[in-house]
Amino acid sequence: MTEAQIKVKRTEAVLLELIPEALGSLSDERLHELDIVDVKCSRGRSDAKVYIDAASFSESQKSEFLKVLAKARPIVESYCMRDQGWYRSPKLTFEFDENFKKAQDIEELFKKIAKA
């Protein structure tokens, strides 16, 4: 693993800890219940995708959360900068992680195949 890859992984780990703290410090109670599953930074660490567990939300709730998170993004970024002493923070993009749901669907298909 190269030094640049190590820095990216370190930034991802720090953001994975800081983003829930930042969301918890906001006054909107709905954001406190979000579970951050993963953070993936770009190679230059200028952008980061934040993946949220989508298991317990409907499609309308997901779109509402994404609107609220888009408004809260600058606050979360400045929280991360202040906490770590960074000059700039990666631009955060929030997305719901559908991989868990897909894995459950695949497991159900395997169970149906096993029965047949």
Protein backbone atom coordinates (compact mmCIF):
# COMPACT_ATOMS: atom_id res chain seq x y z
CA MET A 1 0.00 0.00 0.00
CA THR A 2 1.41 3.36 -0.99
CA GLU A 3 1.67 6.38 1.25
CA ALA A 4 -1.16 8.14 -0.64
CA GLN A 5 -3.46 5.15 -0.15
CA ILE A 6 -2.66 5.12 3.56
CA LYS A 7 -3.57 8.81 3.82
CA VAL A 8 -6.88 8.18 2.05
CA LYS A 9 -7.71 5.27 4.39
CA ARG A 10 -6.79 7.38 7.42
CA THR A 11 -9.03 10.23 6.23
CA GLU A 12 -11.89 7.79 5.65
CA ALA A 13 -11.51 6.38 9.16
CA VAL A 14 -11.47 9.85 10.72
CA LEU A 15 -14.55 10.92 8.76
CA LEU A 16 -16.36 7.72 9.74
CA GLU A 17 -15.95 8.79 13.38
CA LEU A 18 -16.51 12.52 12.98
CA ILE A 19 -19.61 12.60 10.77
CA PRO A 20 -21.91 10.87 13.30
CA GLU A 21 -20.58 13.22 15.99
CA ALA A 22 -21.30 16.23 13.77
CA LEU A 23 -24.80 14.98 12.94
CA GLY A 24 -25.43 14.36 16.63
CA SER A 25 -24.51 17.93 17.47
CA LEU A 26 -27.16 19.36 15.11
CA SER A 27 -30.56 20.42 16.40
CA ASP A 28 -32.53 18.26 13.92
CA GLU A 29 -33.42 15.11 15.87
CA ARG A 30 -34.03 13.10 12.68
CA LEU A 31 -30.34 13.21 11.81
CA HIS A 32 -29.38 11.63 15.14
CA GLU A 33 -30.91 8.28 14.10
CA LEU A 34 -28.85 7.87 10.91
CA ASP A 35 -26.26 5.10 10.84
CA ILE A 36 -23.16 5.87 8.80
CA VAL A 37 -22.03 2.62 7.18
CA ASP A 38 -18.97 3.69 5.22
CA VAL A 39 -17.02 6.65 3.85
CA LYS A 40 -15.11 6.50 0.56
CA CYS A 41 -12.74 9.33 -0.34
CA SER A 42 -11.50 10.17 -3.79
CA ARG A 43 -7.83 9.65 -4.52
CA GLY A 44 -7.01 13.30 -3.88
CA ARG A 45 -9.23 13.41 -0.77
CA SER A 46 -11.17 16.37 -2.17
CA ASP A 47 -14.48 14.48 -2.30
CA ALA A 48 -16.00 11.85 -0.05
CA LYS A 49 -19.12 9.73 -0.40
CA VAL A 50 -20.86 8.99 2.87
CA TYR A 51 -22.97 5.83 2.84
CA ILE A 52 -25.97 5.63 5.16
CA ASP A 53 -27.82 2.46 6.22
CA ALA A 54 -31.09 2.44 4.26
CA ALA A 55 -32.71 -0.60 5.86
CA SER A 56 -35.41 1.11 7.93
CA PHE A 57 -36.45 4.00 5.67
CA SER A 58 -39.03 4.33 2.93
CA GLU A 59 -38.26 6.04 -0.37
CA SER A 60 -40.02 9.24 0.70
CA GLN A 61 -38.06 9.32 3.96
CA LYS A 62 -34.81 8.76 2.05
CA SER A 63 -35.44 11.72 -0.25
CA GLU A 64 -36.35 13.89 2.74
CA PHE A 65 -33.17 12.88 4.57
CA LEU A 66 -31.04 13.64 1.49
CA LYS A 67 -32.54 17.15 1.30
CA VAL A 68 -31.84 17.78 5.00
CA LEU A 69 -28.31 16.37 4.69
CA ALA A 70 -27.59 18.59 1.68
CA LYS A 71 -28.43 21.61 3.85
CA ALA A 72 -26.38 20.28 6.78
CA ARG A 73 -23.33 19.41 4.64
CA PRO A 74 -21.43 22.71 5.15
CA ILE A 75 -21.93 22.49 8.91
CA VAL A 76 -20.66 18.90 9.01
CA GLU A 77 -17.65 19.81 6.86
CA SER A 78 -16.72 22.77 9.08
CA TYR A 79 -17.11 20.53 12.17
CA CYS A 80 -14.61 18.07 10.67
CA MET A 81 -12.18 20.87 9.77
CA ARG A 82 -12.31 22.38 13.25
CA ASP A 83 -11.92 19.05 15.02
CA GLN A 84 -8.94 17.89 12.96
CA GLY A 85 -7.33 21.28 12.29
CA TRP A 86 -7.58 20.73 8.53
CA TYR A 87 -7.19 23.57 6.06
CA ARG A 88 -10.10 22.16 4.05
CA SER A 89 -12.47 19.27 4.34
CA PRO A 90 -13.50 16.82 1.61
CA LYS A 91 -16.77 17.78 -0.06
CA LEU A 92 -19.26 15.32 1.37
CA THR A 93 -21.91 13.58 -0.70
CA PHE A 94 -24.53 11.57 1.15
CA GLU A 95 -26.00 8.39 -0.34
CA PHE A 96 -28.04 5.51 1.00
CA ASP A 97 -26.26 2.16 0.92
CA GLU A 98 -28.44 -0.38 -0.89
CA ASN A 99 -25.89 -3.21 -0.77
CA PHE A 100 -27.32 -4.71 2.42
CA LYS A 101 -30.79 -4.90 0.88
CA LYS A 102 -29.38 -6.49 -2.27
CA ALA A 103 -27.51 -9.06 -0.18
CA GLN A 104 -30.73 -9.94 1.65
CA ASP A 105 -32.57 -10.36 -1.66
CA ILE A 106 -29.84 -12.67 -2.96
CA GLU A 107 -29.98 -14.75 0.23
CA GLU A 108 -33.76 -15.11 -0.17
CA LEU A 109 -33.27 -16.28 -3.76
CA PHE A 110 -30.73 -18.88 -2.61
CA LYS A 111 -33.19 -20.13 0.01
CA LYS A 112 -35.90 -20.49 -2.66
CA ILE A 113 -33.49 -22.37 -4.92
CA ALA A 114 -32.49 -24.67 -2.07
CA LYS A 115 -36.15 -25.53 -1.41
CA ALA A 116 -36.81 -26.34 -5.07
